[in-house]
Amino acid sequence: MCIELLQDIGQWLGVGIANLAAALDPSCFVIGGGVSAADDLLIGPARDAFKRHLTGRGYRPEARIAKAQLGPEAGMVGAADLARLVARRFRRTNRRRVERYEAVRADLRPGSEHHP
């Protein structure tokens, strides 16, 4: 029964991937996180359903469906990388704000040419 449920979920996953492929036209879909541990029980039916439901098949290259090399850790690594990117942008933006603030403050100091 559990195997049948995983296969059913895999088929629905394949339909969803086919819909995304119709809209985004990627070259590869990577399945990661905990579901990737089910491997062929989930990804095999997903590939089959993807091939059946892909709009315009035969007129465009078919996207590959692959298991993430990091397996269950893929989501955590992706989240950490996103946090790193956001922190870098925040630091850059904050640095510019501090520089502007210090420039304005320097102009308002007594003895500066802009001081009233």
PDB file of N, CA and C in Angstrom:
ATOM      1  N   MET A   1       0.814  -1.186   0.000  1.00  0.00           N
ATOM      2  CA  MET A   1       0.000   0.000   0.000  1.00  0.00           C
ATOM      3  C   MET A   1       0.873   1.273   0.000  1.00  0.00           C
ATOM      4  N   CYS A   2       1.933   1.281   0.800  1.00  0.00           N
ATOM      5  CA  CYS A   2       2.815   2.452   0.856  1.00  0.00           C
ATOM      6  C   CYS A   2       3.499   2.682  -0.488  1.00  0.00           C
ATOM      7  N   ILE A   3       3.892   1.579  -1.131  1.00  0.00           N
ATOM      8  CA  ILE A   3       4.546   1.701  -2.443  1.00  0.00           C
ATOM      9  C   ILE A   3       3.579   2.299  -3.450  1.00  0.00           C
ATOM     10  N   GLU A   4       2.316   1.864  -3.420  1.00  0.00           N
ATOM     11  CA  GLU A   4       1.315   2.414  -4.337  1.00  0.00           C
ATOM     12  C   GLU A   4       1.092   3.906  -4.075  1.00  0.00           C
ATOM     13  N   LEU A   5       1.098   4.305  -2.803  1.00  0.00           N
ATOM     14  CA  LEU A   5       0.934   5.727  -2.474  1.00  0.00           C
ATOM     15  C   LEU A   5       2.107   6.555  -3.001  1.00  0.00           C
ATOM     16  N   LEU A   6       3.313   6.059  -2.839  1.00  0.00           N
ATOM     17  CA  LEU A   6       4.484   6.775  -3.354  1.00  0.00           C
ATOM     18  C   LEU A   6       4.437   6.882  -4.872  1.00  0.00           C
ATOM     19  N   GLN A   7       4.002   5.821  -5.533  1.00  0.00           N
ATOM     20  CA  GLN A   7       3.887   5.865  -6.988  1.00  0.00           C
ATOM     21  C   GLN A   7       2.823   6.862  -7.426  1.00  0.00           C
ATOM     22  N   ASP A   8       1.718   6.918  -6.696  1.00  0.00           N
ATOM     23  CA  ASP A   8       0.661   7.879  -6.999  1.00  0.00           C
ATOM     24  C   ASP A   8       1.164   9.313  -6.817  1.00  0.00           C
ATOM     25  N   ILE A   9       1.876   9.552  -5.714  1.00  0.00           N
ATOM     26  CA  ILE A   9       2.455  10.879  -5.477  1.00  0.00           C
ATOM     27  C   ILE A   9       3.458  11.210  -6.583  1.00  0.00           C
ATOM     28  N   GLY A  10       4.246  10.217  -6.984  1.00  0.00           N
ATOM     29  CA  GLY A  10       5.206  10.417  -8.077  1.00  0.00           C
ATOM     30  C   GLY A  10       4.523  10.815  -9.375  1.00  0.00           C
ATOM     31  N   GLN A  11       3.376  10.198  -9.661  1.00  0.00           N
ATOM     32  CA  GLN A  11       2.636  10.554 -10.877  1.00  0.00           C
ATOM     33  C   GLN A  11       2.150  12.000 -10.810  1.00  0.00           C
ATOM     34  N   TRP A  12       1.622  12.402  -9.662  1.00  0.00           N
ATOM     35  CA  TRP A  12       1.159  13.792  -9.524  1.00  0.00           C
ATOM     36  C   TRP A  12       2.337  14.762  -9.594  1.00  0.00           C
ATOM     37  N   LEU A  13       3.470  14.354  -9.049  1.00  0.00           N
ATOM     38  CA  LEU A  13       4.675  15.174  -9.148  1.00  0.00           C
ATOM     39  C   LEU A  13       5.071  15.350 -10.615  1.00  0.00           C
ATOM     40  N   GLY A  14       4.975  14.284 -11.380  1.00  0.00           N
ATOM     41  CA  GLY A  14       5.287  14.355 -12.811  1.00  0.00           C
ATOM     42  C   GLY A  14       4.354  15.283 -13.565  1.00  0.00           C
ATOM     43  N   VAL A  15       3.065  15.267 -13.216  1.00  0.00           N
ATOM     44  CA  VAL A  15       2.094  16.177 -13.845  1.00  0.00           C
ATOM     45  C   VAL A  15       2.454  17.624 -13.511  1.00  0.00           C
ATOM     46  N   GLY A  16       2.791  17.877 -12.246  1.00  0.00           N
ATOM     47  CA  GLY A  16       3.183  19.226 -11.842  1.00  0.00           C
ATOM     48  C   GLY A  16       4.442  19.686 -12.546  1.00  0.00           C
ATOM     49  N   ILE A  17       5.405  18.797 -12.672  1.00  0.00           N
ATOM     50  CA  ILE A  17       6.650  19.144 -13.363  1.00  0.00           C
ATOM     51  C   ILE A  17       6.369  19.428 -14.836  1.00  0.00           C
ATOM     52  N   ALA A  18       5.472  18.652 -15.445  1.00  0.00           N
ATOM     53  CA  ALA A  18       5.111  18.896 -16.848  1.00  0.00           C
ATOM     54  C   ALA A  18       4.471  20.276 -17.005  1.00  0.00           C
ATOM     55  N   ASN A  19       3.632  20.662 -16.051  1.00  0.00           N
ATOM     56  CA  ASN A  19       3.019  21.997 -16.111  1.00  0.00           C
ATOM     57  C   ASN A  19       4.072  23.091 -15.965  1.00  0.00           C
ATOM     58  N   LEU A  20       5.019  22.898 -15.058  1.00  0.00           N
ATOM     59  CA  LEU A  20       6.104  23.877 -14.913  1.00  0.00           C
ATOM     60  C   LEU A  20       6.963  23.940 -16.169  1.00  0.00           C
ATOM     61  N   ALA A  21       7.221  22.786 -16.764  1.00  0.00           N
ATOM     62  CA  ALA A  21       8.029  22.753 -17.986  1.00  0.00           C
ATOM     63  C   ALA A  21       7.339  23.495 -19.119  1.00  0.00           C
ATOM     64  N   ALA A  22       6.010  23.395 -19.190  1.00  0.00           N
ATOM     65  CA  ALA A  22       5.262  24.101 -20.232  1.00  0.00           C
ATOM     66  C   ALA A  22       5.391  25.615 -20.063  1.00  0.00           C
ATOM     67  N   ALA A  23       5.462  26.083 -18.817  1.00  0.00           N
ATOM     68  CA  ALA A  23       5.533  27.521 -18.556  1.00  0.00           C
ATOM     69  C   ALA A  23       6.964  28.049 -18.575  1.00  0.00           C
ATOM     70  N   LEU A  24       7.911  27.291 -18.030  1.00  0.00           N
ATOM     71  CA  LEU A  24       9.269  27.806 -17.831  1.00  0.00           C
ATOM     72  C   LEU A  24      10.307  27.258 -18.813  1.00  0.00           C
ATOM     73  N   ASP A  25      10.050  26.099 -19.387  1.00  0.00           N
ATOM     74  CA  ASP A  25      10.933  25.445 -20.346  1.00  0.00           C
ATOM     75  C   ASP A  25      12.371  25.283 -19.846  1.00  0.00           C
ATOM     76  N   PRO A  26      12.564  24.684 -18.654  1.00  0.00           N
ATOM     77  CA  PRO A  26      13.924  24.475 -18.161  1.00  0.00           C
ATOM     78  C   PRO A  26      14.567  23.263 -18.823  1.00  0.00           C
ATOM     79  N   SER A  27      15.853  23.116 -18.649  1.00  0.00           N
ATOM     80  CA  SER A  27      16.528  21.945 -19.205  1.00  0.00           C
ATOM     81  C   SER A  27      16.603  20.801 -18.195  1.00  0.00           C
ATOM     82  N   CYS A  28      16.397  21.119 -16.899  1.00  0.00           N
ATOM     83  CA  CYS A  28      16.519  20.087 -15.879  1.00  0.00           C
ATOM     84  C   CYS A  28      15.675  20.439 -14.650  1.00  0.00           C
ATOM     85  N   PHE A  29      15.070  19.435 -14.057  1.00  0.00           N
ATOM     86  CA  PHE A  29      14.394  19.560 -12.768  1.00  0.00           C
ATOM     87  C   PHE A  29      15.169  18.706 -11.782  1.00  0.00           C
ATOM     88  N   VAL A  30      15.466  19.248 -10.613  1.00  0.00           N
ATOM     89  CA  VAL A  30      16.210  18.509  -9.599  1.00  0.00           C
ATOM     90  C   VAL A  30      15.285  18.257  -8.408  1.00  0.00           C
ATOM     91  N   ILE A  31      15.137  16.994  -8.058  1.00  0.00           N
ATOM     92  CA  ILE A  31      14.305  16.588  -6.935  1.00  0.00           C
ATOM     93  C   ILE A  31      15.234  16.370  -5.749  1.00  0.00           C
ATOM     94  N   GLY A  32      15.006  17.131  -4.676  1.00  0.00           N
ATOM     95  CA  GLY A  32      15.867  17.023  -3.499  1.00  0.00           C
ATOM     96  C   GLY A  32      15.050  16.944  -2.242  1.00  0.00           C
ATOM     97  N   GLY A  33      15.714  17.052  -1.137  1.00  0.00           N
ATOM     98  CA  GLY A  33      15.043  16.990   0.152  1.00  0.00           C
ATOM     99  C   GLY A  33      14.666  15.565   0.516  1.00  0.00           C
ATOM    100  N   GLY A  34      13.781  15.427   1.467  1.00  0.00           N
ATOM    101  CA  GLY A  34      13.386  14.112   1.961  1.00  0.00           C
ATOM    102  C   GLY A  34      12.762  13.216   0.914  1.00  0.00           C
ATOM    103  N   VAL A  35      12.020  13.811  -0.044  1.00  0.00           N
ATOM    104  CA  VAL A  35      11.359  12.980  -1.058  1.00  0.00           C
ATOM    105  C   VAL A  35      12.362  12.293  -1.976  1.00  0.00           C
ATOM    106  N   SER A  36      13.561  12.844  -2.083  1.00  0.00           N
ATOM    107  CA  SER A  36      14.545  12.228  -2.978  1.00  0.00           C
ATOM    108  C   SER A  36      15.012  10.876  -2.458  1.00  0.00           C
ATOM    109  N   ALA A  37      14.807  10.623  -1.169  1.00  0.00           N
ATOM    110  CA  ALA A  37      15.198   9.327  -0.606  1.00  0.00           C
ATOM    111  C   ALA A  37      14.335   8.189  -1.155  1.00  0.00           C
ATOM    112  N   ALA A  38      13.131   8.500  -1.619  1.00  0.00           N
ATOM    113  CA  ALA A  38      12.247   7.473  -2.189  1.00  0.00           C
ATOM    114  C   ALA A  38      12.725   7.040  -3.568  1.00  0.00           C
ATOM    115  N   ASP A  39      13.625   7.792  -4.156  1.00  0.00           N
ATOM    116  CA  ASP A  39      14.295   7.496  -5.426  1.00  0.00           C
ATOM    117  C   ASP A  39      13.351   6.943  -6.488  1.00  0.00           C
ATOM    118  N   ASP A  40      13.535   5.702  -6.921  1.00  0.00           N
ATOM    119  CA  ASP A  40      12.765   5.167  -8.049  1.00  0.00           C
ATOM    120  C   ASP A  40      11.286   4.958  -7.726  1.00  0.00           C
ATOM    121  N   LEU A  41      10.944   4.820  -6.451  1.00  0.00           N
ATOM    122  CA  LEU A  41       9.530   4.674  -6.104  1.00  0.00           C
ATOM    123  C   LEU A  41       8.756   5.951  -6.409  1.00  0.00           C
ATOM    124  N   LEU A  42       9.427   7.087  -6.357  1.00  0.00           N
ATOM    125  CA  LEU A  42       8.789   8.376  -6.577  1.00  0.00           C
ATOM    126  C   LEU A  42       9.230   9.007  -7.902  1.00  0.00           C
ATOM    127  N   ILE A  43      10.523   9.021  -8.139  1.00  0.00           N
ATOM    128  CA  ILE A  43      11.062   9.706  -9.312  1.00  0.00           C
ATOM    129  C   ILE A  43      10.757   8.950 -10.604  1.00  0.00           C
ATOM    130  N   GLY A  44      10.746   7.621 -10.546  1.00  0.00           N
ATOM    131  CA  GLY A  44      10.411   6.824 -11.736  1.00  0.00           C
ATOM    132  C   GLY A  44       9.010   7.139 -12.252  1.00  0.00           C
ATOM    133  N   PRO A  45       7.972   7.044 -11.394  1.00  0.00           N
ATOM    134  CA  PRO A  45       6.625   7.410 -11.841  1.00  0.00           C
ATOM    135  C   PRO A  45       6.513   8.886 -12.242  1.00  0.00           C
ATOM    136  N   ALA A  46       7.288   9.747 -11.593  1.00  0.00           N
ATOM    137  CA  ALA A  46       7.263  11.165 -11.957  1.00  0.00           C
ATOM    138  C   ALA A  46       7.792  11.353 -13.375  1.00  0.00           C
ATOM    139  N   ARG A  47       8.861  10.651 -13.710  1.00  0.00           N
ATOM    140  CA  ARG A  47       9.416  10.746 -15.083  1.00  0.00           C
ATOM    141  C   ARG A  47       8.394  10.243 -16.115  1.00  0.00           C
ATOM    142  N   ASP A  48       7.739   9.119 -15.803  1.00  0.00           N
ATOM    143  CA  ASP A  48       6.751   8.566 -16.739  1.00  0.00           C
ATOM    144  C   ASP A  48       5.583   9.529 -16.945  1.00  0.00           C
ATOM    145  N   ALA A  49       5.046  10.083 -15.846  1.00  0.00           N
ATOM    146  CA  ALA A  49       3.923  11.019 -15.949  1.00  0.00           C
ATOM    147  C   ALA A  49       4.354  12.295 -16.662  1.00  0.00           C
ATOM    148  N   PHE A  50       5.572  12.733 -16.408  1.00  0.00           N
ATOM    149  CA  PHE A  50       6.102  13.927 -17.074  1.00  0.00           C
ATOM    150  C   PHE A  50       6.092  13.728 -18.588  1.00  0.00           C
ATOM    151  N   LYS A  51       6.585  12.586 -19.026  1.00  0.00           N
ATOM    152  CA  LYS A  51       6.636  12.307 -20.479  1.00  0.00           C
ATOM    153  C   LYS A  51       5.239  12.244 -21.088  1.00  0.00           C
ATOM    154  N   ARG A  52       4.270  11.699 -20.347  1.00  0.00           N
ATOM    155  CA  ARG A  52       2.899  11.598 -20.862  1.00  0.00           C
ATOM    156  C   ARG A  52       2.193  12.946 -20.914  1.00  0.00           C
ATOM    157  N   HIS A  53       2.457  13.826 -19.950  1.00  0.00           N
ATOM    158  CA  HIS A  53       1.689  15.070 -19.819  1.00  0.00           C
ATOM    159  C   HIS A  53       2.384  16.309 -20.359  1.00  0.00           C
ATOM    160  N   LEU A  54       3.614  16.170 -20.835  1.00  0.00           N
ATOM    161  CA  LEU A  54       4.361  17.336 -21.313  1.00  0.00           C
ATOM    162  C   LEU A  54       3.710  17.918 -22.557  1.00  0.00           C
ATOM    163  N   THR A  55       3.353  19.191 -22.481  1.00  0.00           N
ATOM    164  CA  THR A  55       2.759  19.887 -23.619  1.00  0.00           C
ATOM    165  C   THR A  55       3.838  20.138 -24.668  1.00  0.00           C
ATOM    166  N   GLY A  56       3.528  19.870 -25.914  1.00  0.00           N
ATOM    167  CA  GLY A  56       4.466  20.141 -27.004  1.00  0.00           C
ATOM    168  C   GLY A  56       5.617  19.163 -27.092  1.00  0.00           C
ATOM    169  N   ARG A  57       5.450  17.971 -26.502  1.00  0.00           N
ATOM    170  CA  ARG A  57       6.552  17.006 -26.587  1.00  0.00           C
ATOM    171  C   ARG A  57       6.802  16.660 -28.044  1.00  0.00           C
ATOM    172  N   GLY A  58       8.038  16.477 -28.360  1.00  0.00           N
ATOM    173  CA  GLY A  58       8.426  16.219 -29.740  1.00  0.00           C
ATOM    174  C   GLY A  58       8.801  17.497 -30.483  1.00  0.00           C
ATOM    175  N   TYR A  59       8.412  18.647 -29.940  1.00  0.00           N
ATOM    176  CA  TYR A  59       8.731  19.925 -30.571  1.00  0.00           C
ATOM    177  C   TYR A  59       9.771  20.715 -29.799  1.00  0.00           C
ATOM    178  N   ARG A  60      10.137  20.226 -28.660  1.00  0.00           N
ATOM    179  CA  ARG A  60      11.160  20.896 -27.854  1.00  0.00           C
ATOM    180  C   ARG A  60      11.945  19.828 -27.103  1.00  0.00           C
ATOM    181  N   PRO A  61      13.147  20.173 -26.655  1.00  0.00           N
ATOM    182  CA  PRO A  61      13.921  19.180 -25.894  1.00  0.00           C
ATOM    183  C   PRO A  61      13.229  18.868 -24.567  1.00  0.00           C
ATOM    184  N   GLU A  62      13.286  17.629 -24.198  1.00  0.00           N
ATOM    185  CA  GLU A  62      12.645  17.199 -22.954  1.00  0.00           C
ATOM    186  C   GLU A  62      13.578  17.473 -21.776  1.00  0.00           C
ATOM    187  N   ALA A  63      13.050  18.085 -20.743  1.00  0.00           N
ATOM    188  CA  ALA A  63      13.846  18.377 -19.554  1.00  0.00           C
ATOM    189  C   ALA A  63      14.214  17.079 -18.829  1.00  0.00           C
ATOM    190  N   ARG A  64      15.364  17.079 -18.246  1.00  0.00           N
ATOM    191  CA  ARG A  64      15.825  15.945 -17.455  1.00  0.00           C
ATOM    192  C   ARG A  64      15.266  16.065 -16.047  1.00  0.00           C
ATOM    193  N   ILE A  65      14.922  14.957 -15.435  1.00  0.00           N
ATOM    194  CA  ILE A  65      14.514  14.932 -14.025  1.00  0.00           C
ATOM    195  C   ILE A  65      15.588  14.140 -13.291  1.00  0.00           C
ATOM    196  N   ALA A  66      16.277  14.819 -12.374  1.00  0.00           N
ATOM    197  CA  ALA A  66      17.407  14.196 -11.684  1.00  0.00           C
ATOM    198  C   ALA A  66      17.229  14.300 -10.173  1.00  0.00           C
ATOM    199  N   LYS A  67      17.846  13.372  -9.483  1.00  0.00           N
ATOM    200  CA  LYS A  67      17.855  13.383  -8.021  1.00  0.00           C
ATOM    201  C   LYS A  67      19.000  14.302  -7.569  1.00  0.00           C
ATOM    202  N   ALA A  68      18.750  15.136  -6.575  1.00  0.00           N
ATOM    203  CA  ALA A  68      19.778  16.037  -6.060  1.00  0.00           C
ATOM    204  C   ALA A  68      20.937  15.237  -5.486  1.00  0.00           C
ATOM    205  N   GLN A  69      22.137  15.675  -5.765  1.00  0.00           N
ATOM    206  CA  GLN A  69      23.316  14.980  -5.242  1.00  0.00           C
ATOM    207  C   GLN A  69      23.405  15.103  -3.726  1.00  0.00           C
ATOM    208  N   LEU A  70      22.855  16.185  -3.170  1.00  0.00           N
ATOM    209  CA  LEU A  70      22.910  16.381  -1.719  1.00  0.00           C
ATOM    210  C   LEU A  70      21.792  15.657  -0.992  1.00  0.00           C
ATOM    211  N   GLY A  71      20.848  15.068  -1.736  1.00  0.00           N
ATOM    212  CA  GLY A  71      19.753  14.305  -1.140  1.00  0.00           C
ATOM    213  C   GLY A  71      18.945  15.133  -0.162  1.00  0.00           C
ATOM    214  N   PRO A  72      18.726  14.608   1.054  1.00  0.00           N
ATOM    215  CA  PRO A  72      17.893  15.312   2.030  1.00  0.00           C
ATOM    216  C   PRO A  72      18.480  16.652   2.497  1.00  0.00           C
ATOM    217  N   GLU A  73      19.776  16.859   2.270  1.00  0.00           N
ATOM    218  CA  GLU A  73      20.431  18.099   2.708  1.00  0.00           C
ATOM    219  C   GLU A  73      20.279  19.229   1.696  1.00  0.00           C
ATOM    220  N   ALA A  74      19.718  18.953   0.527  1.00  0.00           N
ATOM    221  CA  ALA A  74      19.651  19.948  -0.548  1.00  0.00           C
ATOM    222  C   ALA A  74      18.890  21.205  -0.131  1.00  0.00           C
ATOM    223  N   GLY A  75      17.770  21.048   0.535  1.00  0.00           N
ATOM    224  CA  GLY A  75      16.984  22.205   0.959  1.00  0.00           C
ATOM    225  C   GLY A  75      17.734  23.064   1.960  1.00  0.00           C
ATOM    226  N   MET A  76      18.433  22.424   2.881  1.00  0.00           N
ATOM    227  CA  MET A  76      19.183  23.160   3.895  1.00  0.00           C
ATOM    228  C   MET A  76      20.344  23.935   3.253  1.00  0.00           C
ATOM    229  N   VAL A  77      21.034  23.299   2.321  1.00  0.00           N
ATOM    230  CA  VAL A  77      22.144  23.971   1.640  1.00  0.00           C
ATOM    231  C   VAL A  77      21.615  25.139   0.812  1.00  0.00           C
ATOM    232  N   GLY A  78      20.487  24.950   0.139  1.00  0.00           N
ATOM    233  CA  GLY A  78      19.882  26.029  -0.643  1.00  0.00           C
ATOM    234  C   GLY A  78      19.457  27.192   0.237  1.00  0.00           C
ATOM    235  N   ALA A  79      18.872  26.891   1.391  1.00  0.00           N
ATOM    236  CA  ALA A  79      18.451  27.953   2.318  1.00  0.00           C
ATOM    237  C   ALA A  79      19.666  28.707   2.860  1.00  0.00           C
ATOM    238  N   ALA A  80      20.729  28.002   3.167  1.00  0.00           N
ATOM    239  CA  ALA A  80      21.946  28.658   3.662  1.00  0.00           C
ATOM    240  C   ALA A  80      22.554  29.551   2.593  1.00  0.00           C
ATOM    241  N   ASP A  81      22.549  29.086   1.359  1.00  0.00           N
ATOM    242  CA  ASP A  81      23.088  29.898   0.270  1.00  0.00           C
ATOM    243  C   ASP A  81      22.247  31.147   0.042  1.00  0.00           C
ATOM    244  N   LEU A  82      20.931  31.007   0.128  1.00  0.00           N
ATOM    245  CA  LEU A  82      20.041  32.164  -0.007  1.00  0.00           C
ATOM    246  C   LEU A  82      20.277  33.159   1.128  1.00  0.00           C
ATOM    247  N   ALA A  83      20.441  32.662   2.360  1.00  0.00           N
ATOM    248  CA  ALA A  83      20.713  33.543   3.504  1.00  0.00           C
ATOM    249  C   ALA A  83      22.033  34.288   3.302  1.00  0.00           C
ATOM    250  N   ARG A  84      23.033  33.604   2.776  1.00  0.00           N
ATOM    251  CA  ARG A  84      24.320  34.244   2.495  1.00  0.00           C
ATOM    252  C   ARG A  84      24.161  35.359   1.475  1.00  0.00           C
ATOM    253  N   LEU A  85      23.391  35.102   0.427  1.00  0.00           N
ATOM    254  CA  LEU A  85      23.163  36.105  -0.610  1.00  0.00           C
ATOM    255  C   LEU A  85      22.422  37.320  -0.054  1.00  0.00           C
ATOM    256  N   VAL A  86      21.385  37.095   0.740  1.00  0.00           N
ATOM    257  CA  VAL A  86      20.620  38.192   1.337  1.00  0.00           C
ATOM    258  C   VAL A  86      21.500  38.994   2.290  1.00  0.00           C
ATOM    259  N   ALA A  87      22.310  38.311   3.094  1.00  0.00           N
ATOM    260  CA  ALA A  87      23.206  39.011   4.031  1.00  0.00           C
ATOM    261  C   ALA A  87      24.210  39.872   3.275  1.00  0.00           C
ATOM    262  N   ARG A  88      24.733  39.373   2.179  1.00  0.00           N
ATOM    263  CA  ARG A  88      25.692  40.150   1.379  1.00  0.00           C
ATOM    264  C   ARG A  88      25.030  41.404   0.818  1.00  0.00           C
ATOM    265  N   ARG A  89      23.823  41.266   0.294  1.00  0.00           N
ATOM    266  CA  ARG A  89      23.109  42.431  -0.228  1.00  0.00           C
ATOM    267  C   ARG A  89      22.792  43.422   0.882  1.00  0.00           C
ATOM    268  N   PHE A  90      22.402  42.919   2.050  1.00  0.00           N
ATOM    269  CA  PHE A  90      22.087  43.784   3.181  1.00  0.00           C
ATOM    270  C   PHE A  90      23.321  44.568   3.616  1.00  0.00           C
ATOM    271  N   ARG A  91      24.463  43.882   3.711  1.00  0.00           N
ATOM    272  CA  ARG A  91      25.695  44.565   4.107  1.00  0.00           C
ATOM    273  C   ARG A  91      26.060  45.650   3.113  1.00  0.00           C
ATOM    274  N   ARG A  92      25.927  45.339   1.811  1.00  0.00           N
ATOM    275  CA  ARG A  92      26.254  46.315   0.773  1.00  0.00           C
ATOM    276  C   ARG A  92      25.346  47.539   0.874  1.00  0.00           C
ATOM    277  N   THR A  93      24.037  47.298   1.016  1.00  0.00           N
ATOM    278  CA  THR A  93      23.065  48.388   1.114  1.00  0.00           C
ATOM    279  C   THR A  93      23.302  49.191   2.383  1.00  0.00           C
ATOM    280  N   ASN A  94      23.541  48.506   3.492  1.00  0.00           N
ATOM    281  CA  ASN A  94      23.786  49.182   4.756  1.00  0.00           C
ATOM    282  C   ASN A  94      25.060  50.021   4.697  1.00  0.00           C
ATOM    283  N   ARG A  95      26.100  49.503   4.043  1.00  0.00           N
ATOM    284  CA  ARG A  95      27.358  50.235   3.917  1.00  0.00           C
ATOM    285  C   ARG A  95      27.136  51.550   3.172  1.00  0.00           C
ATOM    286  N   ARG A  96      26.354  51.514   2.105  1.00  0.00           N
ATOM    287  CA  ARG A  96      26.057  52.742   1.355  1.00  0.00           C
ATOM    288  C   ARG A  96      25.302  53.747   2.217  1.00  0.00           C
ATOM    289  N   ARG A  97      24.343  53.259   2.997  1.00  0.00           N
ATOM    290  CA  ARG A  97      23.586  54.157   3.873  1.00  0.00           C
ATOM    291  C   ARG A  97      24.501  54.818   4.898  1.00  0.00           C
ATOM    292  N   VAL A  98      25.387  54.035   5.495  1.00  0.00           N
ATOM    293  CA  VAL A  98      26.307  54.573   6.496  1.00  0.00           C
ATOM    294  C   VAL A  98      27.222  55.609   5.848  1.00  0.00           C
ATOM    295  N   GLU A  99      27.721  55.320   4.646  1.00  0.00           N
ATOM    296  CA  GLU A  99      28.595  56.279   3.954  1.00  0.00           C
ATOM    297  C   GLU A  99      27.861  57.585   3.665  1.00  0.00           C
ATOM    298  N   ARG A 100      26.607  57.500   3.217  1.00  0.00           N
ATOM    299  CA  ARG A 100      25.827  58.717   2.954  1.00  0.00           C
ATOM    300  C   ARG A 100      25.588  59.493   4.242  1.00  0.00           C
ATOM    301  N   TYR A 101      25.252  58.776   5.310  1.00  0.00           N
ATOM    302  CA  TYR A 101      25.000  59.416   6.593  1.00  0.00           C
ATOM    303  C   TYR A 101      26.257  60.139   7.077  1.00  0.00           C
ATOM    304  N   GLU A 102      27.404  59.469   6.994  1.00  0.00           N
ATOM    305  CA  GLU A 102      28.653  60.080   7.454  1.00  0.00           C
ATOM    306  C   GLU A 102      29.033  61.293   6.610  1.00  0.00           C
ATOM    307  N   ALA A 103      28.746  61.243   5.299  1.00  0.00           N
ATOM    308  CA  ALA A 103      29.044  62.380   4.431  1.00  0.00           C
ATOM    309  C   ALA A 103      28.175  63.575   4.804  1.00  0.00           C
ATOM    310  N   VAL A 104      26.908  63.350   5.059  1.00  0.00           N
ATOM    311  CA  VAL A 104      25.996  64.436   5.451  1.00  0.00           C
ATOM    312  C   VAL A 104      26.419  64.977   6.806  1.00  0.00           C
ATOM    313  N   ARG A 105      26.752  64.088   7.723  1.00  0.00           N
ATOM    314  CA  ARG A 105      27.164  64.509   9.059  1.00  0.00           C
ATOM    315  C   ARG A 105      28.446  65.338   9.009  1.00  0.00           C
ATOM    316  N   ALA A 106      29.386  64.957   8.142  1.00  0.00           N
ATOM    317  CA  ALA A 106      30.630  65.709   7.999  1.00  0.00           C
ATOM    318  C   ALA A 106      30.359  67.100   7.449  1.00  0.00           C
ATOM    319  N   ASP A 107      29.391  67.209   6.558  1.00  0.00           N
ATOM    320  CA  ASP A 107      29.049  68.520   5.984  1.00  0.00           C
ATOM    321  C   ASP A 107      28.413  69.429   7.020  1.00  0.00           C
ATOM    322  N   LEU A 108      27.790  68.877   8.041  1.00  0.00           N
ATOM    323  CA  LEU A 108      27.095  69.686   9.037  1.00  0.00           C
ATOM    324  C   LEU A 108      27.967  70.034  10.236  1.00  0.00           C
ATOM    325  N   ARG A 109      29.199  69.540  10.293  1.00  0.00           N
ATOM    326  CA  ARG A 109      30.091  69.841  11.414  1.00  0.00           C
ATOM    327  C   ARG A 109      30.525  71.305  11.366  1.00  0.00           C
ATOM    328  N   PRO A 110      30.675  71.910  12.508  1.00  0.00           N
ATOM    329  CA  PRO A 110      31.193  73.282  12.531  1.00  0.00           C
ATOM    330  C   PRO A 110      32.566  73.345  11.875  1.00  0.00           C
ATOM    331  N   GLY A 111      32.751  74.345  11.092  1.00  0.00           N
ATOM    332  CA  GLY A 111      34.008  74.523  10.385  1.00  0.00           C
ATOM    333  C   GLY A 111      34.000  73.982   8.974  1.00  0.00           C
ATOM    334  N   SER A 112      32.972  73.166   8.623  1.00  0.00           N
ATOM    335  CA  SER A 112      32.906  72.691   7.232  1.00  0.00           C
ATOM    336  C   SER A 112      32.305  73.775   6.375  1.00  0.00           C
ATOM    337  N   GLU A 113      32.593  73.731   5.099  1.00  0.00           N
ATOM    338  CA  GLU A 113      32.099  74.790   4.205  1.00  0.00           C
ATOM    339  C   GLU A 113      30.586  74.787   4.057  1.00  0.00           C
ATOM    340  N   HIS A 114      29.922  73.679   4.384  1.00  0.00           N
ATOM    341  CA  HIS A 114      28.460  73.593   4.245  1.00  0.00           C
ATOM    342  C   HIS A 114      27.724  73.893   5.552  1.00  0.00           C
ATOM    343  N   HIS A 115      28.471  74.077   6.646  1.00  0.00           N
ATOM    344  CA  HIS A 115      27.839  74.333   7.946  1.00  0.00           C
ATOM    345  C   HIS A 115      27.175  75.716   7.955  1.00  0.00           C
ATOM    346  N   PRO A 116      25.923  75.793   8.426  1.00  0.00           N
ATOM    347  CA  PRO A 116      25.219  77.094   8.407  1.00  0.00           C
ATOM    348  C   PRO A 116      25.802  78.125   9.339  1.00  0.00           C
TER     349      PRO A 116
END
